[in-house]
Amino acid sequence: MNNYPVNMDQKPDVHGFFDSDTNTISYCVKDPSSKACALYDSVLDFDFASGRTSKKSADALIAYVKEQGLTVEWIMETHVHADHLSAAPYLQEELGGKLGIGARVIEVQDIFGKVFNEGTEFQRDGSQFDKLFEDGDTYSIGGLEAFVMATPGHTPACTAHVIGDAMVVGDTLFMPDGGSARADFPGGDARQLYQSIQKVLSLPPDMRMFICHDYGPGGREIAWETSVGEQRNSNIHVKDGIDEDAYVKMRTERDTQLAMPKLIIPSVQVNMRAGEMPEPDTDGKRYLKVPVDGL
C-alpha cells in the first residue's frame, strides 16, 4: 500500500507554534545540515466581530526564522483551512519562499466559488499559488527529501507532507485521543477520509507525526507530536481493528452533531485565494461575504 519514497534516515528539526485562539499548530521544519527550512500552516489572527486582522502569530514564526538565521524555501498549506486564516502572503513578503498546496485546490475553489458567488475575476485554476502538488510529488528543503501524500476526505485538497522521519499531517488525524477530521464540509467524504488515513498509517510506525490542531481533550495539556505506531494502537476513531464501514458510520453520525467552525466564512474566502483578501470594492475597501443559509 505504501509506494512512497520514505527515508527514515533523515531526521529534520521540527519546531511547533501553537495559536491558542484557533488551536492551530504551525511548523518550521529545518534541514539539520543547513539553514534551509519550510513553514507549514501559518495563522493570520482575525477578529470576526470587528473584521480586524493582526499578525501576532505570524510574527512569532518570522522572529524564530530570523533569530535562527534560516532561509525559507517553502511556505506550505496542508489544505484550504476552514478554522483559521493563512498568513502565507505576509510570510512570503517578509521571508521569501514559494507557496505550495495540493493540486485539488482547484476543486475547492470551484465549490466555494459557487458558495460565495464569486465572479469571473476569481480564478479557479490554483494560479494564486506558486506550486500545486500532486500525490507523490517531491520537493527539497536544503538536503532534506520531502514528498506529498494526497489525503482527501476532510477536503478534496488535503495533503500530508513527509520529510524524512517526520510528517506534517494537516487535519486528517489529530492526537490519538482526539480522533480524526470531520468530513461534512462541501467536497468532504468520510469513506475517502478513511482510505486516506489508511495510507498515512501504512508508513513506518516510528514515523513522527505532527498534527495541525489540538484541543486538549479531557483537560490534558496541548500536544502536537505523536507517531504512526501510536495512532494505530490507540486513535479513538481509526486504531487497528476499526473497519471502513464502522468508521464511516461513526464519522457521519458525529459530524451531524458538530457546529460549523466559527471562522469558516472568512477563512475559506481568504485561504482559497492563497491567503489574500478579496479584491477591493468600488470604495477601495475589502469585504468578506456571509452567505445566508449557504453552509
C-alpha atoms as a PDB file:
ATOM      1  CA  MET A   1       0.000   0.000   0.000  1.00  0.00           C
ATOM      2  CA  ASN A   2       2.949   2.323   0.662  1.00  0.00           C
ATOM      3  CA  ASN A   3       4.883   3.117  -2.519  1.00  0.00           C
ATOM      4  CA  TYR A   4       6.178   6.486  -1.366  1.00  0.00           C
ATOM      5  CA  PRO A   5       9.917   7.328  -1.155  1.00  0.00           C
ATOM      6  CA  VAL A   6      10.237   7.135   2.633  1.00  0.00           C
ATOM      7  CA  ASN A   7      13.695   7.903   4.043  1.00  0.00           C
ATOM      8  CA  MET A   8      13.696   7.379   7.816  1.00  0.00           C
ATOM      9  CA  ASP A   9      17.435   8.111   7.995  1.00  0.00           C
ATOM     10  CA  GLN A  10      16.783  11.820   7.509  1.00  0.00           C
ATOM     11  CA  LYS A  11      15.713  13.497  10.743  1.00  0.00           C
ATOM     12  CA  PRO A  12      14.601  17.112  10.332  1.00  0.00           C
ATOM     13  CA  ASP A  13      14.341  19.572  13.175  1.00  0.00           C
ATOM     14  CA  VAL A  14      10.647  20.381  13.745  1.00  0.00           C
ATOM     15  CA  HIS A  15       9.526  23.370  15.791  1.00  0.00           C
ATOM     16  CA  GLY A  16       5.827  23.947  16.514  1.00  0.00           C
ATOM     17  CA  PHE A  17       3.997  27.219  17.208  1.00  0.00           C
ATOM     18  CA  PHE A  18       0.632  26.953  18.971  1.00  0.00           C
ATOM     19  CA  ASP A  19      -2.051  29.573  18.328  1.00  0.00           C
ATOM     20  CA  SER A  20      -4.459  29.457  21.276  1.00  0.00           C
ATOM     21  CA  ASP A  21      -7.226  31.427  19.546  1.00  0.00           C
ATOM     22  CA  THR A  22      -7.703  28.794  16.829  1.00  0.00           C
ATOM     23  CA  ASN A  23      -5.955  25.808  18.453  1.00  0.00           C
ATOM     24  CA  THR A  24      -3.721  25.633  15.386  1.00  0.00           C
ATOM     25  CA  ILE A  25      -0.126  24.446  15.324  1.00  0.00           C
ATOM     26  CA  SER A  26       2.134  25.948  12.652  1.00  0.00           C
ATOM     27  CA  TYR A  27       5.531  24.411  11.936  1.00  0.00           C
ATOM     28  CA  CYS A  28       9.039  25.298  10.922  1.00  0.00           C
ATOM     29  CA  VAL A  29      10.794  22.220   9.524  1.00  0.00           C
ATOM     30  CA  LYS A  30      14.562  22.669   9.205  1.00  0.00           C
ATOM     31  CA  ASP A  31      17.297  20.740   7.464  1.00  0.00           C
ATOM     32  CA  PRO A  32      19.759  19.943  10.308  1.00  0.00           C
ATOM     33  CA  SER A  33      22.713  20.110   7.902  1.00  0.00           C
ATOM     34  CA  SER A  34      21.944  23.611   6.578  1.00  0.00           C
ATOM     35  CA  LYS A  35      19.910  26.734   7.283  1.00  0.00           C
ATOM     36  CA  ALA A  36      17.120  25.763   4.881  1.00  0.00           C
ATOM     37  CA  CYS A  37      13.582  25.408   6.232  1.00  0.00           C
ATOM     38  CA  ALA A  38       9.931  25.209   5.249  1.00  0.00           C
ATOM     39  CA  LEU A  39       6.908  26.673   7.041  1.00  0.00           C
ATOM     40  CA  TYR A  40       3.567  24.885   7.308  1.00  0.00           C
ATOM     41  CA  ASP A  41       0.020  26.095   8.078  1.00  0.00           C
ATOM     42  CA  SER A  42       0.616  29.651   9.248  1.00  0.00           C
ATOM     43  CA  VAL A  43      -2.029  31.747  11.013  1.00  0.00           C
ATOM     44  CA  LEU A  44      -3.253  35.289  10.380  1.00  0.00           C
ATOM     45  CA  ASP A  45      -5.077  36.496  13.505  1.00  0.00           C
ATOM     46  CA  PHE A  46      -8.634  37.608  12.774  1.00  0.00           C
ATOM     47  CA  ASP A  47     -11.360  39.048  14.987  1.00  0.00           C
ATOM     48  CA  PHE A  48     -14.629  38.251  13.238  1.00  0.00           C
ATOM     49  CA  ALA A  49     -16.675  40.659  15.361  1.00  0.00           C
ATOM     50  CA  SER A  50     -14.657  43.678  14.234  1.00  0.00           C
ATOM     51  CA  GLY A  51     -13.200  42.386  10.964  1.00  0.00           C
ATOM     52  CA  ARG A  52      -9.722  43.306  12.161  1.00  0.00           C
ATOM     53  CA  THR A  53      -6.593  41.316  11.355  1.00  0.00           C
ATOM     54  CA  SER A  54      -3.311  41.198  13.252  1.00  0.00           C
ATOM     55  CA  LYS A  55      -0.025  39.406  12.754  1.00  0.00           C
ATOM     56  CA  LYS A  56       0.956  38.205  16.236  1.00  0.00           C
ATOM     57  CA  SER A  57       1.068  34.518  15.305  1.00  0.00           C
ATOM     58  CA  ALA A  58       2.883  35.084  12.022  1.00  0.00           C
ATOM     59  CA  ASP A  59       5.365  37.417  13.687  1.00  0.00           C
ATOM     60  CA  ALA A  60       6.342  34.627  16.091  1.00  0.00           C
ATOM     61  CA  LEU A  61       7.270  32.473  13.087  1.00  0.00           C
ATOM     62  CA  ILE A  62       9.160  35.326  11.470  1.00  0.00           C
ATOM     63  CA  ALA A  63      11.072  36.098  14.657  1.00  0.00           C
ATOM     64  CA  TYR A  64      12.115  32.457  15.022  1.00  0.00           C
ATOM     65  CA  VAL A  65      13.303  32.218  11.417  1.00  0.00           C
ATOM     66  CA  LYS A  66      15.326  35.401  11.708  1.00  0.00           C
ATOM     67  CA  GLU A  67      16.777  34.548  15.129  1.00  0.00           C
ATOM     68  CA  GLN A  68      17.969  31.196  13.796  1.00  0.00           C
ATOM     69  CA  GLY A  69      19.296  32.711  10.584  1.00  0.00           C
ATOM     70  CA  LEU A  70      17.162  30.391   8.450  1.00  0.00           C
ATOM     71  CA  THR A  71      16.316  30.552   4.769  1.00  0.00           C
ATOM     72  CA  VAL A  72      12.683  29.791   3.922  1.00  0.00           C
ATOM     73  CA  GLU A  73      12.383  27.682   0.780  1.00  0.00           C
ATOM     74  CA  TRP A  74       8.704  26.733   1.031  1.00  0.00           C
ATOM     75  CA  ILE A  75       5.543  28.073   2.661  1.00  0.00           C
ATOM     76  CA  MET A  76       3.091  25.176   2.603  1.00  0.00           C
ATOM     77  CA  GLU A  77      -0.625  24.774   3.208  1.00  0.00           C
ATOM     78  CA  THR A  78      -1.823  21.261   4.027  1.00  0.00           C
ATOM     79  CA  HIS A  79      -5.276  22.275   2.754  1.00  0.00           C
ATOM     80  CA  VAL A  80      -7.699  25.206   2.466  1.00  0.00           C
ATOM     81  CA  HIS A  81      -8.301  25.665   6.175  1.00  0.00           C
ATOM     82  CA  ALA A  82     -11.800  26.377   7.484  1.00  0.00           C
ATOM     83  CA  ASP A  83     -10.853  27.383  11.030  1.00  0.00           C
ATOM     84  CA  HIS A  84      -8.120  29.989  10.604  1.00  0.00           C
ATOM     85  CA  LEU A  85      -6.850  32.441   8.021  1.00  0.00           C
ATOM     86  CA  SER A  86      -3.475  31.864   6.396  1.00  0.00           C
ATOM     87  CA  ALA A  87      -0.643  34.367   6.806  1.00  0.00           C
ATOM     88  CA  ALA A  88       1.210  32.995   3.766  1.00  0.00           C
ATOM     89  CA  PRO A  89       1.400  36.250   1.749  1.00  0.00           C
ATOM     90  CA  TYR A  90       2.789  38.125   4.743  1.00  0.00           C
ATOM     91  CA  LEU A  91       5.355  35.424   5.439  1.00  0.00           C
ATOM     92  CA  GLN A  92       6.367  35.339   1.785  1.00  0.00           C
ATOM     93  CA  GLU A  93       6.794  39.109   1.733  1.00  0.00           C
ATOM     94  CA  GLU A  94       8.943  39.039   4.867  1.00  0.00           C
ATOM     95  CA  LEU A  95      10.877  35.806   4.353  1.00  0.00           C
ATOM     96  CA  GLY A  96      10.631  34.704   0.729  1.00  0.00           C
ATOM     97  CA  GLY A  97       9.967  31.116  -0.305  1.00  0.00           C
ATOM     98  CA  LYS A  98       7.461  29.513  -2.656  1.00  0.00           C
ATOM     99  CA  LEU A  99       3.833  28.922  -1.690  1.00  0.00           C
ATOM    100  CA  GLY A 100       2.505  25.385  -2.211  1.00  0.00           C
ATOM    101  CA  ILE A 101      -0.741  23.429  -1.778  1.00  0.00           C
ATOM    102  CA  GLY A 102      -2.372  20.244  -3.075  1.00  0.00           C
ATOM    103  CA  ALA A 103      -3.376  20.284  -6.747  1.00  0.00           C
ATOM    104  CA  ARG A 104      -7.032  19.587  -5.962  1.00  0.00           C
ATOM    105  CA  VAL A 105      -7.335  23.101  -4.583  1.00  0.00           C
ATOM    106  CA  ILE A 106      -8.968  23.892  -7.909  1.00  0.00           C
ATOM    107  CA  GLU A 107     -11.936  21.743  -6.832  1.00  0.00           C
ATOM    108  CA  VAL A 108     -12.176  23.641  -3.550  1.00  0.00           C
ATOM    109  CA  GLN A 109     -12.028  26.925  -5.434  1.00  0.00           C
ATOM    110  CA  ASP A 110     -14.820  25.774  -7.710  1.00  0.00           C
ATOM    111  CA  ILE A 111     -17.020  24.532  -4.849  1.00  0.00           C
ATOM    112  CA  PHE A 112     -16.619  27.594  -2.663  1.00  0.00           C
ATOM    113  CA  GLY A 113     -16.515  29.996  -5.571  1.00  0.00           C
ATOM    114  CA  LYS A 114     -20.159  28.991  -6.033  1.00  0.00           C
ATOM    115  CA  VAL A 115     -20.941  29.084  -2.298  1.00  0.00           C
ATOM    116  CA  PHE A 116     -19.711  32.691  -2.114  1.00  0.00           C
ATOM    117  CA  ASN A 117     -20.998  33.639  -5.579  1.00  0.00           C
ATOM    118  CA  GLU A 118     -17.589  34.815  -6.726  1.00  0.00           C
ATOM    119  CA  GLY A 119     -17.438  36.497 -10.083  1.00  0.00           C
ATOM    120  CA  THR A 120     -15.383  35.523 -13.090  1.00  0.00           C
ATOM    121  CA  GLU A 121     -12.470  37.589 -11.790  1.00  0.00           C
ATOM    122  CA  PHE A 122     -11.853  34.891  -9.162  1.00  0.00           C
ATOM    123  CA  GLN A 123      -9.525  32.407 -10.850  1.00  0.00           C
ATOM    124  CA  ARG A 124     -10.368  28.759 -10.120  1.00  0.00           C
ATOM    125  CA  ASP A 125      -7.153  27.283 -11.508  1.00  0.00           C
ATOM    126  CA  GLY A 126      -4.866  27.420  -8.449  1.00  0.00           C
ATOM    127  CA  SER A 127      -2.804  30.188 -10.048  1.00  0.00           C
ATOM    128  CA  GLN A 128      -2.729  32.094  -6.738  1.00  0.00           C
ATOM    129  CA  PHE A 129      -0.170  29.529  -5.531  1.00  0.00           C
ATOM    130  CA  ASP A 130       3.390  29.034  -6.787  1.00  0.00           C
ATOM    131  CA  LYS A 131       3.190  25.238  -6.874  1.00  0.00           C
ATOM    132  CA  LEU A 132       0.348  22.707  -6.957  1.00  0.00           C
ATOM    133  CA  PHE A 133       1.401  19.302  -5.643  1.00  0.00           C
ATOM    134  CA  GLU A 134       0.054  16.003  -6.939  1.00  0.00           C
ATOM    135  CA  ASP A 135       0.112  12.817  -4.874  1.00  0.00           C
ATOM    136  CA  GLY A 136       3.704  11.579  -4.653  1.00  0.00           C
ATOM    137  CA  ASP A 137       5.341  14.792  -5.834  1.00  0.00           C
ATOM    138  CA  THR A 138       8.686  15.515  -4.208  1.00  0.00           C
ATOM    139  CA  TYR A 139      10.497  18.674  -3.162  1.00  0.00           C
ATOM    140  CA  SER A 140      13.600  19.537  -1.174  1.00  0.00           C
ATOM    141  CA  ILE A 141      14.373  21.576   1.923  1.00  0.00           C
ATOM    142  CA  GLY A 142      18.123  22.055   1.686  1.00  0.00           C
ATOM    143  CA  GLY A 143      19.438  18.480   1.731  1.00  0.00           C
ATOM    144  CA  LEU A 144      16.168  17.019   3.002  1.00  0.00           C
ATOM    145  CA  GLU A 145      13.997  14.989   0.673  1.00  0.00           C
ATOM    146  CA  ALA A 146      10.260  15.543   1.090  1.00  0.00           C
ATOM    147  CA  PHE A 147       7.167  14.186  -0.607  1.00  0.00           C
ATOM    148  CA  VAL A 148       3.474  14.995  -0.653  1.00  0.00           C
ATOM    149  CA  MET A 149       0.787  12.454   0.148  1.00  0.00           C
ATOM    150  CA  ALA A 150      -2.723  13.335  -1.049  1.00  0.00           C
ATOM    151  CA  THR A 151      -5.178  12.727   1.807  1.00  0.00           C
ATOM    152  CA  PRO A 152      -8.622  13.818   0.572  1.00  0.00           C
ATOM    153  CA  GLY A 153     -11.739  13.326   2.670  1.00  0.00           C
ATOM    154  CA  HIS A 154     -11.756  16.263   5.057  1.00  0.00           C
ATOM    155  CA  THR A 155     -11.419  18.453   1.951  1.00  0.00           C
ATOM    156  CA  PRO A 156     -10.505  17.459  -1.615  1.00  0.00           C
ATOM    157  CA  ALA A 157      -7.131  19.253  -1.452  1.00  0.00           C
ATOM    158  CA  CYS A 158      -5.849  17.823   1.843  1.00  0.00           C
ATOM    159  CA  THR A 159      -2.231  16.674   1.894  1.00  0.00           C
ATOM    160  CA  ALA A 160       0.322  15.302   4.328  1.00  0.00           C
ATOM    161  CA  HIS A 161       3.965  16.304   3.941  1.00  0.00           C
ATOM    162  CA  VAL A 162       6.584  13.679   4.747  1.00  0.00           C
ATOM    163  CA  ILE A 163      10.110  14.944   5.380  1.00  0.00           C
ATOM    164  CA  GLY A 164      12.475  12.140   6.365  1.00  0.00           C
ATOM    165  CA  ASP A 165      11.173  10.562   9.570  1.00  0.00           C
ATOM    166  CA  ALA A 166       8.654  13.360  10.192  1.00  0.00           C
ATOM    167  CA  MET A 167       5.184  14.051   8.802  1.00  0.00           C
ATOM    168  CA  VAL A 168       3.082  17.208   8.922  1.00  0.00           C
ATOM    169  CA  VAL A 169      -0.300  15.546   8.638  1.00  0.00           C
ATOM    170  CA  GLY A 170      -2.685  18.525   8.464  1.00  0.00           C
ATOM    171  CA  ASP A 171      -6.246  17.965   9.701  1.00  0.00           C
ATOM    172  CA  THR A 172      -6.552  14.340   8.586  1.00  0.00           C
ATOM    173  CA  LEU A 173      -5.627  12.997  12.028  1.00  0.00           C
ATOM    174  CA  PHE A 174      -5.476  14.575  15.466  1.00  0.00           C
ATOM    175  CA  MET A 175      -3.718  13.253  18.567  1.00  0.00           C
ATOM    176  CA  PRO A 176      -4.862   9.670  19.328  1.00  0.00           C
ATOM    177  CA  ASP A 177      -7.377  10.847  21.950  1.00  0.00           C
ATOM    178  CA  GLY A 178      -8.727  13.457  19.501  1.00  0.00           C
ATOM    179  CA  GLY A 179      -9.503  11.086  16.643  1.00  0.00           C
ATOM    180  CA  SER A 180      -9.823  12.328  13.093  1.00  0.00           C
ATOM    181  CA  ALA A 181     -11.063  15.236  10.998  1.00  0.00           C
ATOM    182  CA  ARG A 182     -14.681  15.865  10.153  1.00  0.00           C
ATOM    183  CA  ALA A 183     -15.849  15.061   6.620  1.00  0.00           C
ATOM    184  CA  ASP A 184     -19.060  17.062   6.210  1.00  0.00           C
ATOM    185  CA  PHE A 185     -17.744  20.234   4.583  1.00  0.00           C
ATOM    186  CA  PRO A 186     -18.649  20.730   0.892  1.00  0.00           C
ATOM    187  CA  GLY A 187     -16.373  18.338  -1.003  1.00  0.00           C
ATOM    188  CA  GLY A 188     -15.711  16.155   2.054  1.00  0.00           C
ATOM    189  CA  ASP A 189     -16.269  12.386   2.126  1.00  0.00           C
ATOM    190  CA  ALA A 190     -15.999  10.092   5.168  1.00  0.00           C
ATOM    191  CA  ARG A 191     -15.196   6.961   3.182  1.00  0.00           C
ATOM    192  CA  GLN A 192     -12.479   8.740   1.245  1.00  0.00           C
ATOM    193  CA  LEU A 193     -11.110  10.105   4.529  1.00  0.00           C
ATOM    194  CA  TYR A 194     -10.827   6.591   5.986  1.00  0.00           C
ATOM    195  CA  GLN A 195      -8.938   5.438   2.915  1.00  0.00           C
ATOM    196  CA  SER A 196      -6.579   8.420   3.154  1.00  0.00           C
ATOM    197  CA  ILE A 197      -5.934   7.680   6.823  1.00  0.00           C
ATOM    198  CA  GLN A 198      -5.035   4.099   5.957  1.00  0.00           C
ATOM    199  CA  LYS A 199      -2.413   5.411   3.528  1.00  0.00           C
ATOM    200  CA  VAL A 200      -0.954   7.553   6.281  1.00  0.00           C
ATOM    201  CA  LEU A 201      -0.969   4.656   8.746  1.00  0.00           C
ATOM    202  CA  SER A 202       0.847   2.418   6.245  1.00  0.00           C
ATOM    203  CA  LEU A 203       4.000   4.458   6.836  1.00  0.00           C
ATOM    204  CA  PRO A 204       6.644   3.152   9.283  1.00  0.00           C
ATOM    205  CA  PRO A 205       5.386   3.019  12.886  1.00  0.00           C
ATOM    206  CA  ASP A 206       8.320   5.143  14.095  1.00  0.00           C
ATOM    207  CA  MET A 207       7.378   7.971  11.736  1.00  0.00           C
ATOM    208  CA  ARG A 208       6.962  11.127  13.815  1.00  0.00           C
ATOM    209  CA  MET A 209       3.577  12.747  13.167  1.00  0.00           C
ATOM    210  CA  PHE A 210       2.911  16.445  13.725  1.00  0.00           C
ATOM    211  CA  ILE A 211      -0.732  17.484  13.790  1.00  0.00           C
ATOM    212  CA  CYS A 212      -2.396  20.771  12.821  1.00  0.00           C
ATOM    213  CA  HIS A 213      -4.865  21.188  15.711  1.00  0.00           C
ATOM    214  CA  ASP A 214      -5.223  20.105  19.312  1.00  0.00           C
ATOM    215  CA  TYR A 215      -7.981  20.924  21.784  1.00  0.00           C
ATOM    216  CA  GLY A 216      -6.709  19.153  24.907  1.00  0.00           C
ATOM    217  CA  PRO A 217      -9.472  16.537  25.292  1.00  0.00           C
ATOM    218  CA  GLY A 218     -10.366  15.862  28.916  1.00  0.00           C
ATOM    219  CA  GLY A 219      -8.389  18.896  30.022  1.00  0.00           C
ATOM    220  CA  ARG A 220      -4.941  17.464  29.208  1.00  0.00           C
ATOM    221  CA  GLU A 221      -2.123  19.755  28.148  1.00  0.00           C
ATOM    222  CA  ILE A 222      -1.974  20.766  24.496  1.00  0.00           C
ATOM    223  CA  ALA A 223       0.187  18.379  22.453  1.00  0.00           C
ATOM    224  CA  TRP A 224       1.048  18.037  18.787  1.00  0.00           C
ATOM    225  CA  GLU A 225       3.556  15.235  18.291  1.00  0.00           C
ATOM    226  CA  THR A 226       2.605  11.567  18.043  1.00  0.00           C
ATOM    227  CA  SER A 227       3.640   8.690  15.744  1.00  0.00           C
ATOM    228  CA  VAL A 228       2.142   6.350  13.194  1.00  0.00           C
ATOM    229  CA  GLY A 229       2.500   3.490  15.671  1.00  0.00           C
ATOM    230  CA  GLU A 230       0.714   5.381  18.439  1.00  0.00           C
ATOM    231  CA  GLN A 231      -2.118   6.242  16.071  1.00  0.00           C
ATOM    232  CA  ARG A 232      -2.523   2.634  15.004  1.00  0.00           C
ATOM    233  CA  ASN A 233      -2.523   1.469  18.608  1.00  0.00           C
ATOM    234  CA  SER A 234      -4.826   3.995  20.210  1.00  0.00           C
ATOM    235  CA  ASN A 235      -6.534   6.501  17.906  1.00  0.00           C
ATOM    236  CA  ILE A 236     -10.126   6.549  19.153  1.00  0.00           C
ATOM    237  CA  HIS A 237     -11.542   6.682  15.615  1.00  0.00           C
ATOM    238  CA  VAL A 238      -9.196   4.641  13.422  1.00  0.00           C
ATOM    239  CA  LYS A 239      -6.952   2.397  15.506  1.00  0.00           C
ATOM    240  CA  ASP A 240      -6.209  -1.069  14.145  1.00  0.00           C
ATOM    241  CA  GLY A 241      -9.343  -3.193  14.117  1.00  0.00           C
ATOM    242  CA  ILE A 242     -11.813  -0.433  13.174  1.00  0.00           C
ATOM    243  CA  ASP A 243     -13.021  -1.163   9.651  1.00  0.00           C
ATOM    244  CA  GLU A 244     -14.154   1.235   6.959  1.00  0.00           C
ATOM    245  CA  ASP A 245     -17.908   0.805   7.389  1.00  0.00           C
ATOM    246  CA  ALA A 246     -17.711   1.276  11.160  1.00  0.00           C
ATOM    247  CA  TYR A 247     -15.615   4.401  10.688  1.00  0.00           C
ATOM    248  CA  VAL A 248     -17.963   5.878   8.072  1.00  0.00           C
ATOM    249  CA  LYS A 249     -20.967   5.263  10.336  1.00  0.00           C
ATOM    250  CA  MET A 250     -19.236   6.895  13.310  1.00  0.00           C
ATOM    251  CA  ARG A 251     -17.892   9.832  11.321  1.00  0.00           C
ATOM    252  CA  THR A 252     -21.202  10.541   9.573  1.00  0.00           C
ATOM    253  CA  GLU A 253     -23.199  10.429  12.794  1.00  0.00           C
ATOM    254  CA  ARG A 254     -20.659  12.503  14.691  1.00  0.00           C
ATOM    255  CA  ASP A 255     -20.469  15.181  12.019  1.00  0.00           C
ATOM    256  CA  THR A 256     -24.209  15.857  12.239  1.00  0.00           C
ATOM    257  CA  GLN A 257     -23.635  16.966  15.840  1.00  0.00           C
ATOM    258  CA  LEU A 258     -20.821  19.426  15.061  1.00  0.00           C
ATOM    259  CA  ALA A 259     -21.293  23.161  14.616  1.00  0.00           C
ATOM    260  CA  MET A 260     -19.520  24.926  11.782  1.00  0.00           C
ATOM    261  CA  PRO A 261     -16.132  26.392  12.762  1.00  0.00           C
ATOM    262  CA  LYS A 262     -16.591  29.986  13.899  1.00  0.00           C
ATOM    263  CA  LEU A 263     -14.150  31.298  11.272  1.00  0.00           C
ATOM    264  CA  ILE A 264     -15.161  29.124   8.308  1.00  0.00           C
ATOM    265  CA  ILE A 265     -16.731  32.010   6.366  1.00  0.00           C
ATOM    266  CA  PRO A 266     -13.744  34.371   6.397  1.00  0.00           C
ATOM    267  CA  SER A 267     -11.181  31.545   6.384  1.00  0.00           C
ATOM    268  CA  VAL A 268     -12.286  29.805   3.215  1.00  0.00           C
ATOM    269  CA  GLN A 269     -12.730  33.045   1.262  1.00  0.00           C
ATOM    270  CA  VAL A 270      -9.180  34.084   2.149  1.00  0.00           C
ATOM    271  CA  ASN A 271      -7.438  30.710   2.052  1.00  0.00           C
ATOM    272  CA  MET A 272      -8.792  29.689  -1.353  1.00  0.00           C
ATOM    273  CA  ARG A 273      -7.047  32.866  -2.547  1.00  0.00           C
ATOM    274  CA  ALA A 274      -3.712  31.697  -1.072  1.00  0.00           C
ATOM    275  CA  GLY A 275      -4.163  33.937   1.963  1.00  0.00           C
ATOM    276  CA  GLU A 276      -5.111  37.089   0.075  1.00  0.00           C
ATOM    277  CA  MET A 277      -8.215  39.122   0.871  1.00  0.00           C
ATOM    278  CA  PRO A 278     -10.825  39.613  -1.869  1.00  0.00           C
ATOM    279  CA  GLU A 279     -10.197  42.455  -4.301  1.00  0.00           C
ATOM    280  CA  PRO A 280     -11.223  45.925  -3.072  1.00  0.00           C
ATOM    281  CA  ASP A 281     -14.774  47.058  -3.760  1.00  0.00           C
ATOM    282  CA  THR A 282     -15.600  50.320  -5.537  1.00  0.00           C
ATOM    283  CA  ASP A 283     -14.938  52.246  -2.309  1.00  0.00           C
ATOM    284  CA  GLY A 284     -11.428  50.811  -2.043  1.00  0.00           C
ATOM    285  CA  LYS A 285     -12.273  48.624   0.957  1.00  0.00           C
ATOM    286  CA  ARG A 286     -12.125  44.818   1.045  1.00  0.00           C
ATOM    287  CA  TYR A 287     -15.208  42.852   2.066  1.00  0.00           C
ATOM    288  CA  LEU A 288     -15.969  39.254   3.033  1.00  0.00           C
ATOM    289  CA  LYS A 289     -19.363  37.764   2.168  1.00  0.00           C
ATOM    290  CA  VAL A 290     -21.694  35.903   4.537  1.00  0.00           C
ATOM    291  CA  PRO A 291     -23.906  33.501   2.534  1.00  0.00           C
ATOM    292  CA  VAL A 292     -27.213  33.283   4.409  1.00  0.00           C
ATOM    293  CA  ASP A 293     -28.151  29.600   4.876  1.00  0.00           C
ATOM    294  CA  GLY A 294     -25.310  28.740   2.497  1.00  0.00           C
ATOM    295  CA  LEU A 295     -23.466  26.345   4.801  1.00  0.00           C
END
